Amino acid sequence: MQRFQSFLLFFITWEFNSAVQINYIKVPSAVKNDSGSPVILDCNYSVRPDDSELVVKWLLNDEVVYQWIPPQKPQSLGRLKNRVDLNYKATDDPKSVYRAMKIWNPTTDIAGEYRCFVSTFADEDFSVKNMIVFEPERSLVILKQEFNYQSVNFTCSANEVYPAPKLILYKDRTDDFYNKNPLQTLEWNTSRHPNGRFSVFVVAHAMVDSLVPGSLIHCELRIPGTGYVKKRSLLYYPTAQTGCGRALDSCSAQLVLILSLLISAFSI
């Protein structure tokens, strides 16, 4: 009896392990929007030699966008209609030749969760991965604004980015480049444009006496999940002072006003 139970367990285990199994799927985690280059999404699976009624599907956010039912040719559907190279062959095996999708020039509208679903008459399996299609910023700018002699504000803005980025302002010294010190954030805002892209700005504050002349102020932009990083830097020097107790450009304005009054007086 015990031998029979062991044999039965072995048979059930063999049946289970020999069923449809997705070994792995390859989906790029992030691709640049409208780059002109194709991307390949591959679904590596195993089926038994005697399995019948094989169906391979790719779904994007639960919508079927690709289907292959051997011996027929594959089809592109939904949002990927006419956007897939239907002649692309992943292998020479007739049971997996059209398992992969080669998507022409991906754009932000086809980002999301991709699911490979493989089924036969007896079994099925699926695997899921996300793909981000990102759009780099149109511009990234860092500015300085001094309100008095004790404090200074730095503003960093990024325009037309997708998806929403993260911005951070930090300082380091020219002789200590790797020591990043985040500045105190005063204000931040994220707005979304009708085209779906985002514009973001952050305002940070620092005390003048905490900034050594020659300090580097950096604005760093990151698009989460993509590995995309861009940085802009500003070399900080305090605005020059004069004996009148004001910034040099302010005193210059006063001098121009005084000269104008003198010229007017002499011309009367």
C-alpha atoms as a PDB file:
ATOM      1  CA  MET A   1       0.000   0.000   0.000  1.00  0.00           C
ATOM      2  CA  GLN A   2       2.811   2.374   0.903  1.00  0.00           C
ATOM      3  CA  ARG A   3       4.556   1.652  -2.407  1.00  0.00           C
ATOM      4  CA  PHE A   4       1.352   2.412  -4.280  1.00  0.00           C
ATOM      5  CA  GLN A   5       0.954   5.747  -2.466  1.00  0.00           C
ATOM      6  CA  SER A   6       4.564   6.656  -3.250  1.00  0.00           C
ATOM      7  CA  PHE A   7       4.061   5.796  -6.911  1.00  0.00           C
ATOM      8  CA  LEU A   8       0.832   7.822  -7.020  1.00  0.00           C
ATOM      9  CA  LEU A   9       2.575  10.816  -5.446  1.00  0.00           C
ATOM     10  CA  PHE A  10       5.423  10.528  -7.974  1.00  0.00           C
ATOM     11  CA  PHE A  11       2.953  10.348 -10.859  1.00  0.00           C
ATOM     12  CA  ILE A  12       1.025  13.417  -9.653  1.00  0.00           C
ATOM     13  CA  THR A  13       4.277  15.338  -9.133  1.00  0.00           C
ATOM     14  CA  TRP A  14       5.509  14.367 -12.605  1.00  0.00           C
ATOM     15  CA  GLU A  15       2.208  15.465 -14.129  1.00  0.00           C
ATOM     16  CA  PHE A  16       2.381  18.812 -12.317  1.00  0.00           C
ATOM     17  CA  ASN A  17       5.995  19.528 -13.233  1.00  0.00           C
ATOM     18  CA  SER A  18       5.395  18.582 -16.853  1.00  0.00           C
ATOM     19  CA  ALA A  19       2.453  20.978 -17.280  1.00  0.00           C
ATOM     20  CA  VAL A  20       2.634  24.398 -18.960  1.00  0.00           C
ATOM     21  CA  GLN A  21       5.265  26.486 -17.224  1.00  0.00           C
ATOM     22  CA  ILE A  22       6.520  29.991 -17.934  1.00  0.00           C
ATOM     23  CA  ASN A  23      10.229  29.916 -17.189  1.00  0.00           C
ATOM     24  CA  TYR A  24      10.727  33.684 -17.403  1.00  0.00           C
ATOM     25  CA  ILE A  25       9.594  36.771 -19.273  1.00  0.00           C
ATOM     26  CA  LYS A  26      11.774  39.624 -20.489  1.00  0.00           C
ATOM     27  CA  VAL A  27      10.155  43.045 -20.438  1.00  0.00           C
ATOM     28  CA  PRO A  28      12.287  46.224 -20.454  1.00  0.00           C
ATOM     29  CA  SER A  29      11.743  48.031 -17.160  1.00  0.00           C
ATOM     30  CA  ALA A  30      12.031  51.434 -18.857  1.00  0.00           C
ATOM     31  CA  VAL A  31      12.313  52.736 -22.423  1.00  0.00           C
ATOM     32  CA  LYS A  32      12.496  56.250 -23.829  1.00  0.00           C
ATOM     33  CA  ASN A  33       9.371  57.637 -25.442  1.00  0.00           C
ATOM     34  CA  ASP A  34       9.256  57.893 -29.234  1.00  0.00           C
ATOM     35  CA  SER A  35      12.935  56.950 -29.607  1.00  0.00           C
ATOM     36  CA  GLY A  36      12.451  55.300 -32.997  1.00  0.00           C
ATOM     37  CA  SER A  37      13.869  52.004 -31.704  1.00  0.00           C
ATOM     38  CA  PRO A  38      11.859  48.788 -31.256  1.00  0.00           C
ATOM     39  CA  VAL A  39      11.654  46.789 -28.021  1.00  0.00           C
ATOM     40  CA  ILE A  40      11.216  43.036 -27.620  1.00  0.00           C
ATOM     41  CA  LEU A  41       9.050  41.439 -24.953  1.00  0.00           C
ATOM     42  CA  ASP A  42       9.843  37.737 -24.674  1.00  0.00           C
ATOM     43  CA  CYS A  43       7.998  34.931 -22.917  1.00  0.00           C
ATOM     44  CA  ASN A  44      10.018  31.755 -22.396  1.00  0.00           C
ATOM     45  CA  TYR A  45       7.818  28.777 -21.536  1.00  0.00           C
ATOM     46  CA  SER A  46       7.792  24.989 -21.554  1.00  0.00           C
ATOM     47  CA  VAL A  47       4.985  22.674 -22.680  1.00  0.00           C
ATOM     48  CA  ARG A  48       4.686  18.895 -22.900  1.00  0.00           C
ATOM     49  CA  PRO A  49       5.199  17.286 -26.324  1.00  0.00           C
ATOM     50  CA  ASP A  50       1.641  15.960 -26.324  1.00  0.00           C
ATOM     51  CA  ASP A  51      -0.017  19.252 -25.269  1.00  0.00           C
ATOM     52  CA  SER A  52      -2.629  20.506 -27.712  1.00  0.00           C
ATOM     53  CA  GLU A  53      -4.590  23.713 -28.345  1.00  0.00           C
ATOM     54  CA  LEU A  54      -1.679  25.999 -27.491  1.00  0.00           C
ATOM     55  CA  VAL A  55      -2.573  29.691 -27.125  1.00  0.00           C
ATOM     56  CA  VAL A  56      -0.095  32.484 -26.355  1.00  0.00           C
ATOM     57  CA  LYS A  57      -1.402  35.909 -25.361  1.00  0.00           C
ATOM     58  CA  TRP A  58       0.127  39.169 -24.258  1.00  0.00           C
ATOM     59  CA  LEU A  59      -2.063  41.522 -22.243  1.00  0.00           C
ATOM     60  CA  LEU A  60      -1.464  45.199 -21.490  1.00  0.00           C
ATOM     61  CA  ASN A  61      -3.287  46.340 -18.362  1.00  0.00           C
ATOM     62  CA  ASP A  62      -5.678  43.362 -18.735  1.00  0.00           C
ATOM     63  CA  GLU A  63      -6.385  44.103 -22.420  1.00  0.00           C
ATOM     64  CA  VAL A  64      -5.337  41.485 -24.997  1.00  0.00           C
ATOM     65  CA  VAL A  65      -2.870  43.145 -27.379  1.00  0.00           C
ATOM     66  CA  TYR A  66      -1.218  40.090 -28.987  1.00  0.00           C
ATOM     67  CA  GLN A  67      -2.390  36.557 -29.684  1.00  0.00           C
ATOM     68  CA  TRP A  68      -0.858  33.525 -31.334  1.00  0.00           C
ATOM     69  CA  ILE A  69      -2.719  30.251 -31.906  1.00  0.00           C
ATOM     70  CA  PRO A  70      -0.518  27.799 -33.844  1.00  0.00           C
ATOM     71  CA  PRO A  71      -0.415  27.029 -36.709  1.00  0.00           C
ATOM     72  CA  GLN A  72      -1.959  30.423 -37.517  1.00  0.00           C
ATOM     73  CA  LYS A  73      -0.008  33.667 -37.758  1.00  0.00           C
ATOM     74  CA  PRO A  74       0.057  35.946 -34.698  1.00  0.00           C
ATOM     75  CA  GLN A  75      -2.246  38.973 -34.388  1.00  0.00           C
ATOM     76  CA  SER A  76      -1.765  42.398 -32.843  1.00  0.00           C
ATOM     77  CA  LEU A  77      -4.848  43.812 -31.170  1.00  0.00           C
ATOM     78  CA  GLY A  78      -6.154  46.821 -29.251  1.00  0.00           C
ATOM     79  CA  ARG A  79      -3.584  49.476 -28.453  1.00  0.00           C
ATOM     80  CA  LEU A  80      -0.861  47.504 -30.227  1.00  0.00           C
ATOM     81  CA  LYS A  81      -2.809  47.051 -33.451  1.00  0.00           C
ATOM     82  CA  ASN A  82      -0.376  47.596 -36.356  1.00  0.00           C
ATOM     83  CA  ARG A  83       2.428  48.394 -33.896  1.00  0.00           C
ATOM     84  CA  VAL A  84       4.003  44.914 -33.694  1.00  0.00           C
ATOM     85  CA  ASP A  85       6.348  43.162 -36.120  1.00  0.00           C
ATOM     86  CA  LEU A  86       4.280  40.030 -36.756  1.00  0.00           C
ATOM     87  CA  ASN A  87       7.131  38.408 -38.690  1.00  0.00           C
ATOM     88  CA  TYR A  88       9.522  38.449 -35.727  1.00  0.00           C
ATOM     89  CA  LYS A  89      10.559  34.941 -34.645  1.00  0.00           C
ATOM     90  CA  ALA A  90      11.907  34.312 -31.161  1.00  0.00           C
ATOM     91  CA  THR A  91      12.922  30.687 -31.857  1.00  0.00           C
ATOM     92  CA  ASP A  92      12.799  28.004 -34.544  1.00  0.00           C
ATOM     93  CA  ASP A  93      10.637  25.747 -32.379  1.00  0.00           C
ATOM     94  CA  PRO A  94       7.128  25.560 -33.909  1.00  0.00           C
ATOM     95  CA  LYS A  95       5.661  25.540 -30.388  1.00  0.00           C
ATOM     96  CA  SER A  96       7.315  28.837 -29.404  1.00  0.00           C
ATOM     97  CA  VAL A  97       8.362  30.591 -32.625  1.00  0.00           C
ATOM     98  CA  TYR A  98       5.982  33.555 -32.141  1.00  0.00           C
ATOM     99  CA  ARG A  99       6.072  33.736 -28.363  1.00  0.00           C
ATOM    100  CA  ALA A 100       7.633  37.245 -28.304  1.00  0.00           C
ATOM    101  CA  MET A 101       6.432  40.707 -29.318  1.00  0.00           C
ATOM    102  CA  LYS A 102       8.618  43.171 -31.195  1.00  0.00           C
ATOM    103  CA  ILE A 103       6.973  46.564 -30.676  1.00  0.00           C
ATOM    104  CA  TRP A 104       7.829  49.382 -33.060  1.00  0.00           C
ATOM    105  CA  ASN A 105       8.742  52.711 -31.446  1.00  0.00           C
ATOM    106  CA  PRO A 106       7.024  52.494 -28.023  1.00  0.00           C
ATOM    107  CA  THR A 107       5.281  55.616 -26.728  1.00  0.00           C
ATOM    108  CA  THR A 108       3.843  56.636 -23.367  1.00  0.00           C
ATOM    109  CA  ASP A 109       0.348  55.368 -24.205  1.00  0.00           C
ATOM    110  CA  ILE A 110       1.517  51.740 -24.128  1.00  0.00           C
ATOM    111  CA  ALA A 111       3.253  51.840 -20.753  1.00  0.00           C
ATOM    112  CA  GLY A 112       1.923  49.634 -17.987  1.00  0.00           C
ATOM    113  CA  GLU A 113       1.604  46.041 -16.824  1.00  0.00           C
ATOM    114  CA  TYR A 114       2.402  43.386 -19.424  1.00  0.00           C
ATOM    115  CA  ARG A 115       1.207  39.830 -18.842  1.00  0.00           C
ATOM    116  CA  CYS A 116       2.230  36.771 -20.821  1.00  0.00           C
ATOM    117  CA  PHE A 117      -0.508  34.124 -20.684  1.00  0.00           C
ATOM    118  CA  VAL A 118       0.110  30.624 -22.059  1.00  0.00           C
ATOM    119  CA  SER A 119      -2.557  27.931 -22.118  1.00  0.00           C
ATOM    120  CA  THR A 120      -3.175  24.470 -23.541  1.00  0.00           C
ATOM    121  CA  PHE A 121      -6.130  22.114 -23.391  1.00  0.00           C
ATOM    122  CA  ALA A 122      -4.915  20.808 -20.019  1.00  0.00           C
ATOM    123  CA  ASP A 123      -3.209  23.702 -18.247  1.00  0.00           C
ATOM    124  CA  GLU A 124      -2.243  27.390 -18.191  1.00  0.00           C
ATOM    125  CA  ASP A 125       0.309  29.756 -16.673  1.00  0.00           C
ATOM    126  CA  PHE A 126       1.103  33.467 -16.713  1.00  0.00           C
ATOM    127  CA  SER A 127       3.760  35.962 -15.637  1.00  0.00           C
ATOM    128  CA  VAL A 128       3.678  39.746 -15.224  1.00  0.00           C
ATOM    129  CA  LYS A 129       6.140  42.642 -15.515  1.00  0.00           C
ATOM    130  CA  ASN A 130       5.819  46.424 -15.792  1.00  0.00           C
ATOM    131  CA  MET A 131       7.273  48.643 -18.506  1.00  0.00           C
ATOM    132  CA  ILE A 132       7.666  52.393 -18.063  1.00  0.00           C
ATOM    133  CA  VAL A 133       7.850  54.573 -21.169  1.00  0.00           C
ATOM    134  CA  PHE A 134       9.401  57.847 -20.040  1.00  0.00           C
ATOM    135  CA  GLU A 135       9.753  61.278 -21.595  1.00  0.00           C
ATOM    136  CA  PRO A 136      12.836  63.309 -20.533  1.00  0.00           C
ATOM    137  CA  GLU A 137      12.386  66.901 -19.449  1.00  0.00           C
ATOM    138  CA  ARG A 138      12.136  69.705 -21.984  1.00  0.00           C
ATOM    139  CA  SER A 139      14.116  71.915 -19.626  1.00  0.00           C
ATOM    140  CA  LEU A 140      15.778  71.812 -16.200  1.00  0.00           C
ATOM    141  CA  VAL A 141      16.705  75.149 -14.616  1.00  0.00           C
ATOM    142  CA  ILE A 142      18.224  76.204 -11.283  1.00  0.00           C
ATOM    143  CA  LEU A 143      18.073  79.827 -10.076  1.00  0.00           C
ATOM    144  CA  LYS A 144      19.288  81.810  -7.059  1.00  0.00           C
ATOM    145  CA  GLN A 145      17.320  84.538  -5.281  1.00  0.00           C
ATOM    146  CA  GLU A 146      18.694  86.520  -2.344  1.00  0.00           C
ATOM    147  CA  PHE A 147      16.166  88.391  -0.225  1.00  0.00           C
ATOM    148  CA  ASN A 148      18.567  89.706   2.414  1.00  0.00           C
ATOM    149  CA  TYR A 149      22.109  89.161   3.665  1.00  0.00           C
ATOM    150  CA  GLN A 150      21.176  86.273   5.914  1.00  0.00           C
ATOM    151  CA  SER A 151      19.338  83.838   3.668  1.00  0.00           C
ATOM    152  CA  VAL A 152      19.087  82.768   0.057  1.00  0.00           C
ATOM    153  CA  ASN A 153      16.536  80.724  -1.870  1.00  0.00           C
ATOM    154  CA  PHE A 154      17.248  78.329  -4.728  1.00  0.00           C
ATOM    155  CA  THR A 155      14.574  77.302  -7.203  1.00  0.00           C
ATOM    156  CA  CYS A 156      14.726  74.309  -9.521  1.00  0.00           C
ATOM    157  CA  SER A 157      12.103  73.651 -12.188  1.00  0.00           C
ATOM    158  CA  ALA A 158      11.615  70.838 -14.693  1.00  0.00           C
ATOM    159  CA  ASN A 159       9.121  71.016 -17.541  1.00  0.00           C
ATOM    160  CA  GLU A 160       7.261  68.463 -19.673  1.00  0.00           C
ATOM    161  CA  VAL A 161       8.427  65.213 -18.012  1.00  0.00           C
ATOM    162  CA  TYR A 162       6.705  61.806 -17.904  1.00  0.00           C
ATOM    163  CA  PRO A 163       6.045  60.179 -15.516  1.00  0.00           C
ATOM    164  CA  ALA A 164       6.172  62.637 -12.608  1.00  0.00           C
ATOM    165  CA  PRO A 165       9.820  63.121 -11.541  1.00  0.00           C
ATOM    166  CA  LYS A 166      11.469  63.704  -8.179  1.00  0.00           C
ATOM    167  CA  LEU A 167      13.535  66.857  -7.625  1.00  0.00           C
ATOM    168  CA  ILE A 168      16.048  67.496  -4.864  1.00  0.00           C
ATOM    169  CA  LEU A 169      18.230  70.533  -4.161  1.00  0.00           C
ATOM    170  CA  TYR A 170      21.450  69.921  -2.267  1.00  0.00           C
ATOM    171  CA  LYS A 171      24.807  71.551  -1.670  1.00  0.00           C
ATOM    172  CA  ASP A 172      28.385  70.394  -1.577  1.00  0.00           C
ATOM    173  CA  ARG A 173      31.752  72.114  -1.502  1.00  0.00           C
ATOM    174  CA  THR A 174      34.210  72.189  -4.358  1.00  0.00           C
ATOM    175  CA  ASP A 175      36.709  70.310  -2.149  1.00  0.00           C
ATOM    176  CA  ASP A 176      34.134  67.766  -0.900  1.00  0.00           C
ATOM    177  CA  PHE A 177      32.131  66.785  -3.966  1.00  0.00           C
ATOM    178  CA  TYR A 178      30.648  63.578  -2.545  1.00  0.00           C
ATOM    179  CA  ASN A 179      29.187  65.142   0.603  1.00  0.00           C
ATOM    180  CA  LYS A 180      25.594  65.859  -0.401  1.00  0.00           C
ATOM    181  CA  ASN A 181      23.637  68.031   1.998  1.00  0.00           C
ATOM    182  CA  PRO A 182      19.945  68.480   1.124  1.00  0.00           C
ATOM    183  CA  LEU A 183      18.700  72.034   1.453  1.00  0.00           C
ATOM    184  CA  GLN A 184      15.607  72.852   3.496  1.00  0.00           C
ATOM    185  CA  THR A 185      12.573  72.657   1.209  1.00  0.00           C
ATOM    186  CA  LEU A 186      10.165  75.591   1.450  1.00  0.00           C
ATOM    187  CA  GLU A 187       7.767  74.890  -1.395  1.00  0.00           C
ATOM    188  CA  TRP A 188       7.116  72.387  -4.151  1.00  0.00           C
ATOM    189  CA  ASN A 189       4.461  71.835  -6.762  1.00  0.00           C
ATOM    190  CA  THR A 190       3.577  69.322  -9.471  1.00  0.00           C
ATOM    191  CA  SER A 191       1.191  70.142 -12.304  1.00  0.00           C
ATOM    192  CA  ARG A 192      -0.064  67.922 -15.108  1.00  0.00           C
ATOM    193  CA  HIS A 193      -0.466  69.169 -18.673  1.00  0.00           C
ATOM    194  CA  PRO A 194      -3.282  68.160 -21.051  1.00  0.00           C
ATOM    195  CA  ASN A 195      -0.779  65.939 -22.900  1.00  0.00           C
ATOM    196  CA  GLY A 196      -0.224  63.938 -19.700  1.00  0.00           C
ATOM    197  CA  ARG A 197       3.269  65.244 -18.984  1.00  0.00           C
ATOM    198  CA  PHE A 198       4.299  66.933 -15.758  1.00  0.00           C
ATOM    199  CA  SER A 199       5.995  70.156 -14.728  1.00  0.00           C
ATOM    200  CA  VAL A 200       7.565  70.348 -11.281  1.00  0.00           C
ATOM    201  CA  PHE A 201       9.335  72.976  -9.225  1.00  0.00           C
ATOM    202  CA  VAL A 202      10.925  73.022  -5.783  1.00  0.00           C
ATOM    203  CA  VAL A 203      12.139  75.978  -3.705  1.00  0.00           C
ATOM    204  CA  ALA A 204      14.777  75.405  -1.028  1.00  0.00           C
ATOM    205  CA  HIS A 205      16.351  77.684   1.559  1.00  0.00           C
ATOM    206  CA  ALA A 206      19.829  78.114   3.017  1.00  0.00           C
ATOM    207  CA  MET A 207      21.461  80.511   5.455  1.00  0.00           C
ATOM    208  CA  VAL A 208      24.211  82.560   3.855  1.00  0.00           C
ATOM    209  CA  ASP A 209      26.671  81.814   6.654  1.00  0.00           C
ATOM    210  CA  SER A 210      26.251  78.066   5.943  1.00  0.00           C
ATOM    211  CA  LEU A 211      27.396  78.487   2.351  1.00  0.00           C
ATOM    212  CA  VAL A 212      31.106  78.709   1.688  1.00  0.00           C
ATOM    213  CA  PRO A 213      31.888  80.860  -1.372  1.00  0.00           C
ATOM    214  CA  GLY A 214      32.471  78.449  -4.222  1.00  0.00           C
ATOM    215  CA  SER A 215      29.929  75.938  -2.949  1.00  0.00           C
ATOM    216  CA  LEU A 216      28.109  73.978  -5.612  1.00  0.00           C
ATOM    217  CA  ILE A 217      24.321  73.944  -5.466  1.00  0.00           C
ATOM    218  CA  HIS A 218      22.826  71.045  -7.390  1.00  0.00           C
ATOM    219  CA  CYS A 219      19.361  70.252  -8.628  1.00  0.00           C
ATOM    220  CA  GLU A 220      18.919  66.553  -9.312  1.00  0.00           C
ATOM    221  CA  LEU A 221      16.015  65.136 -11.312  1.00  0.00           C
ATOM    222  CA  ARG A 222      15.103  61.456 -11.164  1.00  0.00           C
ATOM    223  CA  ILE A 223      12.317  59.599 -12.946  1.00  0.00           C
ATOM    224  CA  PRO A 224      11.341  56.781 -10.557  1.00  0.00           C
ATOM    225  CA  GLY A 225      11.743  53.255 -11.847  1.00  0.00           C
ATOM    226  CA  THR A 226      13.792  54.213 -14.902  1.00  0.00           C
ATOM    227  CA  GLY A 227      17.347  54.910 -13.753  1.00  0.00           C
ATOM    228  CA  TYR A 228      17.121  58.265 -15.564  1.00  0.00           C
ATOM    229  CA  VAL A 229      18.995  61.040 -13.718  1.00  0.00           C
ATOM    230  CA  LYS A 230      19.764  64.597 -14.829  1.00  0.00           C
ATOM    231  CA  LYS A 231      21.572  67.299 -12.864  1.00  0.00           C
ATOM    232  CA  ARG A 232      22.046  71.042 -13.105  1.00  0.00           C
ATOM    233  CA  SER A 233      24.553  72.920 -10.931  1.00  0.00           C
ATOM    234  CA  LEU A 234      25.124  76.483  -9.813  1.00  0.00           C
ATOM    235  CA  LEU A 235      28.374  77.862  -8.393  1.00  0.00           C
ATOM    236  CA  TYR A 236      27.402  79.968  -5.394  1.00  0.00           C
ATOM    237  CA  TYR A 237      29.046  83.250  -4.512  1.00  0.00           C
ATOM    238  CA  PRO A 238      27.325  85.838  -2.318  1.00  0.00           C
ATOM    239  CA  THR A 239      26.217  89.002  -4.018  1.00  0.00           C
ATOM    240  CA  ALA A 240      28.920  91.699  -3.674  1.00  0.00           C
ATOM    241  CA  GLN A 241      28.384  94.210  -0.865  1.00  0.00           C
ATOM    242  CA  THR A 242      29.155  97.958  -0.782  1.00  0.00           C
ATOM    243  CA  GLY A 243      29.542 100.490   1.963  1.00  0.00           C
ATOM    244  CA  CYS A 244      25.944 101.600   1.529  1.00  0.00           C
ATOM    245  CA  GLY A 245      24.901  98.275   3.076  1.00  0.00           C
ATOM    246  CA  ARG A 246      23.104  96.989   0.010  1.00  0.00           C
ATOM    247  CA  ALA A 247      23.841  94.647  -2.859  1.00  0.00           C
ATOM    248  CA  LEU A 248      26.050  96.081  -5.572  1.00  0.00           C
ATOM    249  CA  ASP A 249      23.321  96.123  -8.207  1.00  0.00           C
ATOM    250  CA  SER A 250      20.993  97.929  -5.766  1.00  0.00           C
ATOM    251  CA  CYS A 251      23.642 100.585  -5.040  1.00  0.00           C
ATOM    252  CA  SER A 252      24.277 100.994  -8.762  1.00  0.00           C
ATOM    253  CA  ALA A 253      20.614 101.784  -9.212  1.00  0.00           C
ATOM    254  CA  GLN A 254      20.906 104.447  -6.490  1.00  0.00           C
ATOM    255  CA  LEU A 255      23.975 105.980  -8.156  1.00  0.00           C
ATOM    256  CA  VAL A 256      22.165 106.164 -11.485  1.00  0.00           C
ATOM    257  CA  LEU A 257      19.266 107.935  -9.771  1.00  0.00           C
ATOM    258  CA  ILE A 258      21.610 110.458  -8.061  1.00  0.00           C
ATOM    259  CA  LEU A 259      23.451 111.175 -11.310  1.00  0.00           C
ATOM    260  CA  SER A 260      20.150 111.689 -13.095  1.00  0.00           C
ATOM    261  CA  LEU A 261      19.059 114.208 -10.455  1.00  0.00           C
ATOM    262  CA  LEU A 262      22.393 116.072 -10.701  1.00  0.00           C
ATOM    263  CA  ILE A 263      22.177 116.242 -14.484  1.00  0.00           C
ATOM    264  CA  SER A 264      18.632 117.537 -14.217  1.00  0.00           C
ATOM    265  CA  ALA A 265      19.709 120.200 -11.688  1.00  0.00           C
ATOM    266  CA  PHE A 266      22.576 121.462 -13.875  1.00  0.00           C
ATOM    267  CA  SER A 267      20.397 121.568 -16.949  1.00  0.00           C
ATOM    268  CA  ILE A 268      17.845 123.922 -15.360  1.00  0.00           C
END
